Structure formats: structure tokens, C-alpha cells
Amino acid sequence: MSLLTSTKTPPHPPSSLERFIAAANAALDASGVAIRPHFRVGLAADDKADESPVTQADREAETVLRARLLDACPECGIIGEEFPAHRPDAKYVWVIDPIDGTRAFITGRPSFCTLLGLLEDGVPVLGFIDQPITRERWAGGCGLPARFTGPLGGTPGTRAHVTLEQAELSSTAPEMFDTEGAARFAKLQARAKRVYWGGDAYAYGLLALGQIDVVAECGLKPWDWAALAPVVEAAGGVVSDWQGQKLRLGADGSVLASANAALHQAALAALA
């Protein structure tokens, strides 16, 4: 599949990042092989302590990702959703969500994604969004131009001039907001053109392709957002928490992703 690159091209990635990029792509290829046999076969799901579902596919995919990444990058740490952290205080830490959108996965919807982010000193610097059923993959980060491969088509690049009143707004589910968060989101929704529910991390990939303009969510864990910020920002967008602070380990779990800086400021004002 051809590699499509946005017009906003950062410098060529340094050699250290090239090694990380190659390791990530190889690991994601392997995790896709682990996931695909479990899709739409009636796979049973267990409920975790937070009542979110987990399946054999989640565990197998994370196991494969960890093994491949540690083999290629033994100096790196790993934080994953399904298993204990490995050297989380390392300078470079991979952050894994083997299946973001497990509810979509177990109900046969191809909108779940495998997320792989790389933190440097707690800050996301590389991100990969992979959809192993449709074979779509987004990548981007510091020194890595926004990249997209996939048979369905699309070119990386957010909408540079869209306003909040013109914006397509997305969020995974109303249930992710507490009372205060719901009230703040309602103000944002009232300003936007329309809202779409669902999509999990796939919505951020669509934002990076200029199909969605704003995503606002709360209650996210590091494995939910570490991969997303570098991809969206490499495509020309802006990502922060709801206070306008850049995402890093220890952030409050709120995420706002916007297609351009002016739109982001308008969305922050609406959320405030």
C-alpha cells in the first residue's frame, strides 16, 4: 500500500526514532495477525474491575506487542492496559492499548483500534493507530510526518480553516462524562455543527484525515491517549486536556483534539 504524507512535513526523523518506527510497525503487523482470527467469532468477554470488557484477543495482542517491542528496544519501558508496567520510569516508554474499543470488537464493529504510543520523559512523541480488520494505519510524531496507509483511501491533514460553528464534533459515549463534564460538553455541542457518538480512537484517525474536526472526552487513561496526540498533531491538529495543557503522564484524563489552533481555542472557551 502506498504511503500518503501530509503537506505539513516535519524534519526527517533522527536515526533513533527510525528504529522505534520500524519496531512499532513490525509489532503492529504481528498484533494484527493475533487479533484477526478472533473477530466476529463470538469471542467471550470478561469484565474487569472497572466493568470494562476484556477478551482473549486483548491479552494475546498485548503479549505479542510487548514481546516484539522489548526484543527490538530492550532499553524501553512498557505501560499496557492488560498487564503490569515494565520499567515505567525509563526515558522511553511504549504505551499499549491492544484493543481500544473492546465493546466494538465483541459486537463485530470494525471501529476498534490497536494503539501504540511512545513517551519520552512522560510526554508522547510518537503515535500509531492501527485498525487490523480494515488494514488502516496512522502514524505521526516529533520528526515523523503524518502517515496513513489503507485501502479505503484518505490523505493526512486536518481542516485548517474550519470554525467551531462548522465543526463536526465526536465523542465515544455520553456515559464517560460526570455531571460537570456533561454540562461542559453540552456547551461545546451547542456551538458545533453536529455531534457524532461512538468511534473510540478511530475518531481521532478520522480527525487526522479531515473528516472530523473536534473530539472531546474525559476519563481516559494513558493507553487511551498516548498514541493519539502525536498522530493528530503531525496531521496539523492540536491536542490538550480541557484546561489547554499538553498531555503527559499524570494528566487528568480529559482530552480535547481539534483540527487547528483557532478552533482549539474556541473549543476550550466553550468547555470553560
C-alpha atoms as a PDB file:
ATOM      1  CA  MET A   1       0.000   0.000   0.000  1.00  0.00           C
ATOM      2  CA  SER A   2       1.275   3.471  -0.805  1.00  0.00           C
ATOM      3  CA  LEU A   3       2.324   5.895   1.897  1.00  0.00           C
ATOM      4  CA  LEU A   4       0.347   9.126   1.907  1.00  0.00           C
ATOM      5  CA  THR A   5       2.010  12.108   3.538  1.00  0.00           C
ATOM      6  CA  SER A   6       0.525  15.451   4.600  1.00  0.00           C
ATOM      7  CA  THR A   7       1.845  18.705   3.186  1.00  0.00           C
ATOM      8  CA  LYS A   8       3.000  19.694   6.690  1.00  0.00           C
ATOM      9  CA  THR A   9       6.310  17.835   6.753  1.00  0.00           C
ATOM     10  CA  PRO A  10       8.487  17.924   9.885  1.00  0.00           C
ATOM     11  CA  PRO A  11      12.220  17.187   9.539  1.00  0.00           C
ATOM     12  CA  HIS A  12      13.281  13.666   8.683  1.00  0.00           C
ATOM     13  CA  PRO A  13      13.175  11.594  11.884  1.00  0.00           C
ATOM     14  CA  PRO A  14      16.535  11.043  13.601  1.00  0.00           C
ATOM     15  CA  SER A  15      18.031   7.569  13.425  1.00  0.00           C
ATOM     16  CA  SER A  16      16.879   6.681  16.957  1.00  0.00           C
ATOM     17  CA  LEU A  17      13.281   7.383  16.011  1.00  0.00           C
ATOM     18  CA  GLU A  18      13.661   5.456  12.764  1.00  0.00           C
ATOM     19  CA  ARG A  19      14.465   2.387  14.856  1.00  0.00           C
ATOM     20  CA  PHE A  20      11.410   2.981  17.045  1.00  0.00           C
ATOM     21  CA  ILE A  21       9.203   3.478  13.981  1.00  0.00           C
ATOM     22  CA  ALA A  22      10.396   0.225  12.411  1.00  0.00           C
ATOM     23  CA  ALA A  23       9.864  -1.635  15.689  1.00  0.00           C
ATOM     24  CA  ALA A  24       6.355  -0.243  16.073  1.00  0.00           C
ATOM     25  CA  ASN A  25       5.276  -1.160  12.556  1.00  0.00           C
ATOM     26  CA  ALA A  26       6.624  -4.708  12.892  1.00  0.00           C
ATOM     27  CA  ALA A  27       4.938  -5.138  16.277  1.00  0.00           C
ATOM     28  CA  LEU A  28       1.607  -3.867  14.929  1.00  0.00           C
ATOM     29  CA  ASP A  29       1.828  -6.240  11.961  1.00  0.00           C
ATOM     30  CA  ALA A  30       2.226  -9.109  14.426  1.00  0.00           C
ATOM     31  CA  SER A  31      -0.592  -7.948  16.716  1.00  0.00           C
ATOM     32  CA  GLY A  32      -2.948  -7.757  13.750  1.00  0.00           C
ATOM     33  CA  VAL A  33      -2.198 -11.395  12.977  1.00  0.00           C
ATOM     34  CA  ALA A  34      -3.120 -12.237  16.578  1.00  0.00           C
ATOM     35  CA  ILE A  35      -6.366 -10.225  16.536  1.00  0.00           C
ATOM     36  CA  ARG A  36      -7.960 -11.091  13.194  1.00  0.00           C
ATOM     37  CA  PRO A  37      -8.829 -14.765  13.930  1.00  0.00           C
ATOM     38  CA  HIS A  38     -10.910 -13.636  16.936  1.00  0.00           C
ATOM     39  CA  PHE A  39     -13.065 -11.096  15.088  1.00  0.00           C
ATOM     40  CA  ARG A  40     -16.779 -11.946  14.651  1.00  0.00           C
ATOM     41  CA  VAL A  41     -16.437 -15.466  16.045  1.00  0.00           C
ATOM     42  CA  GLY A  42     -18.497 -14.966  19.206  1.00  0.00           C
ATOM     43  CA  LEU A  43     -15.494 -14.437  21.470  1.00  0.00           C
ATOM     44  CA  ALA A  44     -16.389 -14.384  25.170  1.00  0.00           C
ATOM     45  CA  ALA A  45     -15.569 -11.294  27.222  1.00  0.00           C
ATOM     46  CA  ASP A  46     -14.706 -10.945  30.898  1.00  0.00           C
ATOM     47  CA  ASP A  47     -15.497  -7.870  32.984  1.00  0.00           C
ATOM     48  CA  LYS A  48     -12.574  -6.122  34.649  1.00  0.00           C
ATOM     49  CA  ALA A  49     -12.728  -4.334  37.997  1.00  0.00           C
ATOM     50  CA  ASP A  50     -13.897  -1.127  36.281  1.00  0.00           C
ATOM     51  CA  GLU A  51     -16.632  -3.141  34.466  1.00  0.00           C
ATOM     52  CA  SER A  52     -14.955  -2.661  31.083  1.00  0.00           C
ATOM     53  CA  PRO A  53     -14.745  -5.827  28.965  1.00  0.00           C
ATOM     54  CA  VAL A  54     -11.566  -7.715  28.094  1.00  0.00           C
ATOM     55  CA  THR A  55     -11.111 -10.669  25.756  1.00  0.00           C
ATOM     56  CA  GLN A  56      -8.529 -13.263  24.832  1.00  0.00           C
ATOM     57  CA  ALA A  57      -7.759 -11.108  21.796  1.00  0.00           C
ATOM     58  CA  ASP A  58      -6.825  -8.134  24.036  1.00  0.00           C
ATOM     59  CA  ARG A  59      -4.421 -10.265  26.062  1.00  0.00           C
ATOM     60  CA  GLU A  60      -2.861 -12.049  23.082  1.00  0.00           C
ATOM     61  CA  ALA A  61      -2.337  -8.801  21.168  1.00  0.00           C
ATOM     62  CA  GLU A  62      -0.671  -7.067  24.112  1.00  0.00           C
ATOM     63  CA  THR A  63       1.534 -10.095  24.746  1.00  0.00           C
ATOM     64  CA  VAL A  64       2.717 -10.025  21.125  1.00  0.00           C
ATOM     65  CA  LEU A  65       3.292  -6.271  21.175  1.00  0.00           C
ATOM     66  CA  ARG A  66       5.310  -6.423  24.401  1.00  0.00           C
ATOM     67  CA  ALA A  67       7.493  -9.274  23.156  1.00  0.00           C
ATOM     68  CA  ARG A  68       8.243  -7.645  19.797  1.00  0.00           C
ATOM     69  CA  LEU A  69       8.934  -4.194  21.289  1.00  0.00           C
ATOM     70  CA  LEU A  70      11.186  -5.458  24.073  1.00  0.00           C
ATOM     71  CA  ASP A  71      13.125  -7.577  21.608  1.00  0.00           C
ATOM     72  CA  ALA A  72      13.692  -4.590  19.330  1.00  0.00           C
ATOM     73  CA  CYS A  73      14.057  -1.914  22.024  1.00  0.00           C
ATOM     74  CA  PRO A  74      15.251  -3.567  25.253  1.00  0.00           C
ATOM     75  CA  GLU A  75      16.109  -0.218  26.832  1.00  0.00           C
ATOM     76  CA  CYS A  76      12.460   0.943  26.703  1.00  0.00           C
ATOM     77  CA  GLY A  77       9.778   0.600  29.335  1.00  0.00           C
ATOM     78  CA  ILE A  78       6.200  -0.519  28.682  1.00  0.00           C
ATOM     79  CA  ILE A  79       2.851   0.585  30.077  1.00  0.00           C
ATOM     80  CA  GLY A  80      -0.072  -1.525  28.872  1.00  0.00           C
ATOM     81  CA  GLU A  81      -3.749  -1.813  29.685  1.00  0.00           C
ATOM     82  CA  GLU A  82      -3.844  -5.531  30.386  1.00  0.00           C
ATOM     83  CA  PHE A  83      -0.584  -6.353  32.184  1.00  0.00           C
ATOM     84  CA  PRO A  84       1.686  -4.730  34.812  1.00  0.00           C
ATOM     85  CA  ALA A  85       4.073  -1.998  33.736  1.00  0.00           C
ATOM     86  CA  HIS A  86       7.678  -2.804  32.847  1.00  0.00           C
ATOM     87  CA  ARG A  87      10.282  -0.135  33.688  1.00  0.00           C
ATOM     88  CA  PRO A  88       7.762   2.747  33.561  1.00  0.00           C
ATOM     89  CA  ASP A  89      10.492   5.167  34.723  1.00  0.00           C
ATOM     90  CA  ALA A  90      12.639   4.594  31.613  1.00  0.00           C
ATOM     91  CA  LYS A  91      13.384   7.578  29.388  1.00  0.00           C
ATOM     92  CA  TYR A  92      11.427   5.992  26.517  1.00  0.00           C
ATOM     93  CA  VAL A  93       8.252   4.076  27.356  1.00  0.00           C
ATOM     94  CA  TRP A  94       5.900   2.315  24.950  1.00  0.00           C
ATOM     95  CA  VAL A  95       2.220   2.679  25.865  1.00  0.00           C
ATOM     96  CA  ILE A  96      -0.101  -0.046  24.582  1.00  0.00           C
ATOM     97  CA  ASP A  97      -3.851  -0.395  24.214  1.00  0.00           C
ATOM     98  CA  PRO A  98      -4.188  -3.712  22.356  1.00  0.00           C
ATOM     99  CA  ILE A  99      -7.859  -3.168  21.533  1.00  0.00           C
ATOM    100  CA  ASP A 100      -9.236   0.311  22.118  1.00  0.00           C
ATOM    101  CA  GLY A 101     -12.971  -0.148  21.732  1.00  0.00           C
ATOM    102  CA  THR A 102     -13.397  -3.683  23.052  1.00  0.00           C
ATOM    103  CA  ARG A 103     -17.176  -3.190  23.067  1.00  0.00           C
ATOM    104  CA  ALA A 104     -16.999  -2.524  19.324  1.00  0.00           C
ATOM    105  CA  PHE A 105     -14.752  -5.552  18.845  1.00  0.00           C
ATOM    106  CA  ILE A 106     -17.035  -8.008  20.645  1.00  0.00           C
ATOM    107  CA  THR A 107     -20.074  -6.722  18.733  1.00  0.00           C
ATOM    108  CA  GLY A 108     -18.372  -7.095  15.353  1.00  0.00           C
ATOM    109  CA  ARG A 109     -17.821  -3.410  14.570  1.00  0.00           C
ATOM    110  CA  PRO A 110     -14.529  -2.626  12.778  1.00  0.00           C
ATOM    111  CA  SER A 111     -14.110   0.697  14.598  1.00  0.00           C
ATOM    112  CA  PHE A 112     -11.827  -0.603  17.352  1.00  0.00           C
ATOM    113  CA  CYS A 113      -8.103   0.138  17.082  1.00  0.00           C
ATOM    114  CA  THR A 114      -4.768  -1.009  18.416  1.00  0.00           C
ATOM    115  CA  LEU A 115      -2.960   1.974  19.918  1.00  0.00           C
ATOM    116  CA  LEU A 116       0.777   2.254  20.342  1.00  0.00           C
ATOM    117  CA  GLY A 117       2.408   5.408  21.676  1.00  0.00           C
ATOM    118  CA  LEU A 118       5.962   6.252  22.661  1.00  0.00           C
ATOM    119  CA  LEU A 119       6.658   8.571  25.595  1.00  0.00           C
ATOM    120  CA  GLU A 120       9.903  10.454  26.088  1.00  0.00           C
ATOM    121  CA  ASP A 121      10.224  11.550  29.723  1.00  0.00           C
ATOM    122  CA  GLY A 122       6.465  11.126  30.112  1.00  0.00           C
ATOM    123  CA  VAL A 123       5.494  13.134  27.006  1.00  0.00           C
ATOM    124  CA  PRO A 124       4.059  11.461  23.864  1.00  0.00           C
ATOM    125  CA  VAL A 125       6.435  11.797  20.896  1.00  0.00           C
ATOM    126  CA  LEU A 126       5.285   9.036  18.505  1.00  0.00           C
ATOM    127  CA  GLY A 127       1.866   7.547  17.903  1.00  0.00           C
ATOM    128  CA  PHE A 128       0.341   4.713  15.859  1.00  0.00           C
ATOM    129  CA  ILE A 129      -3.359   3.981  15.342  1.00  0.00           C
ATOM    130  CA  ASP A 130      -3.938   0.597  13.718  1.00  0.00           C
ATOM    131  CA  GLN A 131      -7.208  -0.945  12.507  1.00  0.00           C
ATOM    132  CA  PRO A 132      -6.311  -4.589  11.797  1.00  0.00           C
ATOM    133  CA  ILE A 133      -9.553  -5.522  10.032  1.00  0.00           C
ATOM    134  CA  THR A 134      -9.710  -2.670   7.502  1.00  0.00           C
ATOM    135  CA  ARG A 135      -5.868  -2.649   7.380  1.00  0.00           C
ATOM    136  CA  GLU A 136      -5.716   1.090   8.037  1.00  0.00           C
ATOM    137  CA  ARG A 137      -2.787   2.584   9.939  1.00  0.00           C
ATOM    138  CA  TRP A 138      -1.993   6.129  11.026  1.00  0.00           C
ATOM    139  CA  ALA A 139       1.398   7.255  12.313  1.00  0.00           C
ATOM    140  CA  GLY A 140       2.948  10.547  13.307  1.00  0.00           C
ATOM    141  CA  GLY A 141       5.019  12.370  15.855  1.00  0.00           C
ATOM    142  CA  CYS A 142       8.026  14.516  16.576  1.00  0.00           C
ATOM    143  CA  GLY A 143      10.152  14.288  13.451  1.00  0.00           C
ATOM    144  CA  LEU A 144       7.692  11.923  11.745  1.00  0.00           C
ATOM    145  CA  PRO A 145       5.334  13.357   9.111  1.00  0.00           C
ATOM    146  CA  ALA A 146       1.709  12.286   9.355  1.00  0.00           C
ATOM    147  CA  ARG A 147       1.330   8.974   7.552  1.00  0.00           C
ATOM    148  CA  PHE A 148      -1.673   6.899   6.566  1.00  0.00           C
ATOM    149  CA  THR A 149      -1.973   3.578   4.762  1.00  0.00           C
ATOM    150  CA  GLY A 150      -5.198   1.819   3.934  1.00  0.00           C
ATOM    151  CA  PRO A 151      -7.321   0.549   1.045  1.00  0.00           C
ATOM    152  CA  LEU A 152     -10.252   2.864   1.855  1.00  0.00           C
ATOM    153  CA  GLY A 153      -8.307   5.978   0.903  1.00  0.00           C
ATOM    154  CA  GLY A 154      -7.632   9.239   2.657  1.00  0.00           C
ATOM    155  CA  THR A 155      -4.872  11.823   2.910  1.00  0.00           C
ATOM    156  CA  PRO A 156      -3.473  13.037   6.247  1.00  0.00           C
ATOM    157  CA  GLY A 157      -4.237  16.655   7.025  1.00  0.00           C
ATOM    158  CA  THR A 158      -6.752  18.321   9.304  1.00  0.00           C
ATOM    159  CA  ARG A 159      -9.091  21.090   8.144  1.00  0.00           C
ATOM    160  CA  ALA A 160      -7.024  24.220   8.646  1.00  0.00           C
ATOM    161  CA  HIS A 161      -9.759  26.852   8.489  1.00  0.00           C
ATOM    162  CA  VAL A 162     -12.885  25.205   9.904  1.00  0.00           C
ATOM    163  CA  THR A 163     -14.621  27.171  12.693  1.00  0.00           C
ATOM    164  CA  LEU A 164     -16.446  25.771  15.711  1.00  0.00           C
ATOM    165  CA  GLU A 165     -19.811  26.564  14.144  1.00  0.00           C
ATOM    166  CA  GLN A 166     -18.780  24.478  11.107  1.00  0.00           C
ATOM    167  CA  ALA A 167     -17.156  21.698  13.107  1.00  0.00           C
ATOM    168  CA  GLU A 168     -18.039  18.029  13.137  1.00  0.00           C
ATOM    169  CA  LEU A 169     -17.802  17.049  16.832  1.00  0.00           C
ATOM    170  CA  SER A 170     -17.276  13.491  18.075  1.00  0.00           C
ATOM    171  CA  SER A 171     -17.092  11.652  21.387  1.00  0.00           C
ATOM    172  CA  THR A 172     -17.211   7.991  22.325  1.00  0.00           C
ATOM    173  CA  ALA A 173     -20.212   7.948  24.685  1.00  0.00           C
ATOM    174  CA  PRO A 174     -22.179  10.276  27.000  1.00  0.00           C
ATOM    175  CA  GLU A 175     -21.516   7.843  29.872  1.00  0.00           C
ATOM    176  CA  MET A 176     -17.853   8.886  30.014  1.00  0.00           C
ATOM    177  CA  PHE A 177     -18.801  12.283  31.477  1.00  0.00           C
ATOM    178  CA  ASP A 178     -19.629  13.030  35.104  1.00  0.00           C
ATOM    179  CA  THR A 179     -22.231  15.717  35.851  1.00  0.00           C
ATOM    180  CA  GLU A 180     -19.784  18.596  35.468  1.00  0.00           C
ATOM    181  CA  GLY A 181     -18.187  17.119  32.359  1.00  0.00           C
ATOM    182  CA  ALA A 182     -21.581  16.549  30.737  1.00  0.00           C
ATOM    183  CA  ALA A 183     -22.572  20.172  31.363  1.00  0.00           C
ATOM    184  CA  ARG A 184     -19.329  21.433  29.853  1.00  0.00           C
ATOM    185  CA  PHE A 185     -19.596  19.113  26.856  1.00  0.00           C
ATOM    186  CA  ALA A 186     -23.191  20.300  26.274  1.00  0.00           C
ATOM    187  CA  LYS A 187     -21.876  23.865  25.864  1.00  0.00           C
ATOM    188  CA  LEU A 188     -19.382  22.663  23.281  1.00  0.00           C
ATOM    189  CA  GLN A 189     -22.054  20.637  21.498  1.00  0.00           C
ATOM    190  CA  ALA A 190     -24.347  23.683  21.348  1.00  0.00           C
ATOM    191  CA  ARG A 191     -21.670  25.598  19.421  1.00  0.00           C
ATOM    192  CA  ALA A 192     -20.653  22.832  16.996  1.00  0.00           C
ATOM    193  CA  LYS A 193     -22.408  21.979  13.751  1.00  0.00           C
ATOM    194  CA  ARG A 194     -23.389  18.491  14.937  1.00  0.00           C
ATOM    195  CA  VAL A 195     -22.185  15.672  17.177  1.00  0.00           C
ATOM    196  CA  TYR A 196     -21.478  12.003  16.472  1.00  0.00           C
ATOM    197  CA  TRP A 197     -21.265   9.394  19.236  1.00  0.00           C
ATOM    198  CA  GLY A 198     -19.035   6.330  19.064  1.00  0.00           C
ATOM    199  CA  GLY A 199     -15.806   5.506  17.336  1.00  0.00           C
ATOM    200  CA  ASP A 200     -13.336   5.384  20.227  1.00  0.00           C
ATOM    201  CA  ALA A 201      -9.809   6.051  18.940  1.00  0.00           C
ATOM    202  CA  TYR A 202     -10.922   5.633  15.325  1.00  0.00           C
ATOM    203  CA  ALA A 203     -12.470   9.104  15.557  1.00  0.00           C
ATOM    204  CA  TYR A 204      -9.015  10.614  16.106  1.00  0.00           C
ATOM    205  CA  GLY A 205      -7.788   8.901  12.963  1.00  0.00           C
ATOM    206  CA  LEU A 206     -10.697  10.441  11.075  1.00  0.00           C
ATOM    207  CA  LEU A 207      -9.802  13.830  12.558  1.00  0.00           C
ATOM    208  CA  ALA A 208      -6.280  13.367  11.186  1.00  0.00           C
ATOM    209  CA  LEU A 209      -7.850  12.759   7.741  1.00  0.00           C
ATOM    210  CA  GLY A 210     -10.003  15.905   7.894  1.00  0.00           C
ATOM    211  CA  GLN A 211     -13.297  14.022   8.312  1.00  0.00           C
ATOM    212  CA  ILE A 212     -13.946  15.065  11.948  1.00  0.00           C
ATOM    213  CA  ASP A 213     -12.908  18.408  13.437  1.00  0.00           C
ATOM    214  CA  VAL A 214     -13.176  18.122  17.236  1.00  0.00           C
ATOM    215  CA  VAL A 215     -13.070  15.204  19.684  1.00  0.00           C
ATOM    216  CA  ALA A 216     -13.729  15.886  23.392  1.00  0.00           C
ATOM    217  CA  GLU A 217     -13.572  13.132  26.009  1.00  0.00           C
ATOM    218  CA  CYS A 218     -12.984  12.538  29.720  1.00  0.00           C
ATOM    219  CA  GLY A 219     -11.775   9.721  31.938  1.00  0.00           C
ATOM    220  CA  LEU A 220      -9.079   8.489  29.566  1.00  0.00           C
ATOM    221  CA  LYS A 221      -6.051   6.526  30.728  1.00  0.00           C
ATOM    222  CA  PRO A 222      -2.521   6.960  29.290  1.00  0.00           C
ATOM    223  CA  TRP A 223      -3.013   3.993  26.946  1.00  0.00           C
ATOM    224  CA  ASP A 224      -6.122   5.731  25.596  1.00  0.00           C
ATOM    225  CA  TRP A 225      -4.378   8.977  24.592  1.00  0.00           C
ATOM    226  CA  ALA A 226      -0.607   8.378  24.281  1.00  0.00           C
ATOM    227  CA  ALA A 227      -0.850   7.301  20.634  1.00  0.00           C
ATOM    228  CA  LEU A 228      -3.453   9.854  19.601  1.00  0.00           C
ATOM    229  CA  ALA A 229      -1.813  13.200  20.323  1.00  0.00           C
ATOM    230  CA  PRO A 230       1.265  12.661  18.095  1.00  0.00           C
ATOM    231  CA  VAL A 231      -0.854  11.459  15.163  1.00  0.00           C
ATOM    232  CA  VAL A 232      -3.325  14.348  15.298  1.00  0.00           C
ATOM    233  CA  GLU A 233      -0.613  16.964  15.790  1.00  0.00           C
ATOM    234  CA  ALA A 234       1.509  15.581  12.940  1.00  0.00           C
ATOM    235  CA  ALA A 235      -1.552  15.997  10.700  1.00  0.00           C
ATOM    236  CA  GLY A 236      -1.891  19.678  11.662  1.00  0.00           C
ATOM    237  CA  GLY A 237      -4.198  19.465  14.670  1.00  0.00           C
ATOM    238  CA  VAL A 238      -3.886  20.426  18.320  1.00  0.00           C
ATOM    239  CA  VAL A 239      -4.360  18.158  21.365  1.00  0.00           C
ATOM    240  CA  SER A 240      -4.524  19.117  25.041  1.00  0.00           C
ATOM    241  CA  ASP A 241      -6.529  18.479  28.182  1.00  0.00           C
ATOM    242  CA  TRP A 242      -9.652  20.559  28.814  1.00  0.00           C
ATOM    243  CA  GLN A 243      -7.527  23.204  30.542  1.00  0.00           C
ATOM    244  CA  GLY A 244      -5.332  23.643  27.484  1.00  0.00           C
ATOM    245  CA  GLN A 245      -2.299  21.817  28.933  1.00  0.00           C
ATOM    246  CA  LYS A 246      -0.319  19.383  26.809  1.00  0.00           C
ATOM    247  CA  LEU A 247      -0.858  15.722  27.620  1.00  0.00           C
ATOM    248  CA  ARG A 248       1.743  13.888  29.696  1.00  0.00           C
ATOM    249  CA  LEU A 249       1.814  11.191  32.371  1.00  0.00           C
ATOM    250  CA  GLY A 250      -0.181  12.444  35.351  1.00  0.00           C
ATOM    251  CA  ALA A 251      -2.712  14.356  33.216  1.00  0.00           C
ATOM    252  CA  ASP A 252      -6.313  14.398  34.456  1.00  0.00           C
ATOM    253  CA  GLY A 253      -7.727  12.174  31.679  1.00  0.00           C
ATOM    254  CA  SER A 254      -9.599  14.887  29.795  1.00  0.00           C
ATOM    255  CA  VAL A 255      -8.692  15.168  26.098  1.00  0.00           C
ATOM    256  CA  LEU A 256      -9.588  17.783  23.508  1.00  0.00           C
ATOM    257  CA  ALA A 257      -8.379  17.293  19.940  1.00  0.00           C
ATOM    258  CA  SER A 258      -9.044  19.940  17.307  1.00  0.00           C
ATOM    259  CA  ALA A 259      -8.308  20.425  13.627  1.00  0.00           C
ATOM    260  CA  ASN A 260      -6.496  23.764  14.026  1.00  0.00           C
ATOM    261  CA  ALA A 261      -5.270  26.175  16.687  1.00  0.00           C
ATOM    262  CA  ALA A 262      -8.067  28.751  16.373  1.00  0.00           C
ATOM    263  CA  LEU A 263     -10.698  26.028  16.551  1.00  0.00           C
ATOM    264  CA  HIS A 264      -8.961  24.573  19.603  1.00  0.00           C
ATOM    265  CA  GLN A 265      -9.088  27.892  21.429  1.00  0.00           C
ATOM    266  CA  ALA A 266     -12.784  28.279  20.610  1.00  0.00           C
ATOM    267  CA  ALA A 267     -13.489  24.751  21.842  1.00  0.00           C
ATOM    268  CA  LEU A 268     -11.556  25.381  25.081  1.00  0.00           C
ATOM    269  CA  ALA A 269     -13.584  28.543  25.641  1.00  0.00           C
ATOM    270  CA  ALA A 270     -16.825  26.650  25.122  1.00  0.00           C
ATOM    271  CA  LEU A 271     -15.759  23.915  27.546  1.00  0.00           C
ATOM    272  CA  ALA A 272     -14.807  26.526  30.163  1.00  0.00           C
END
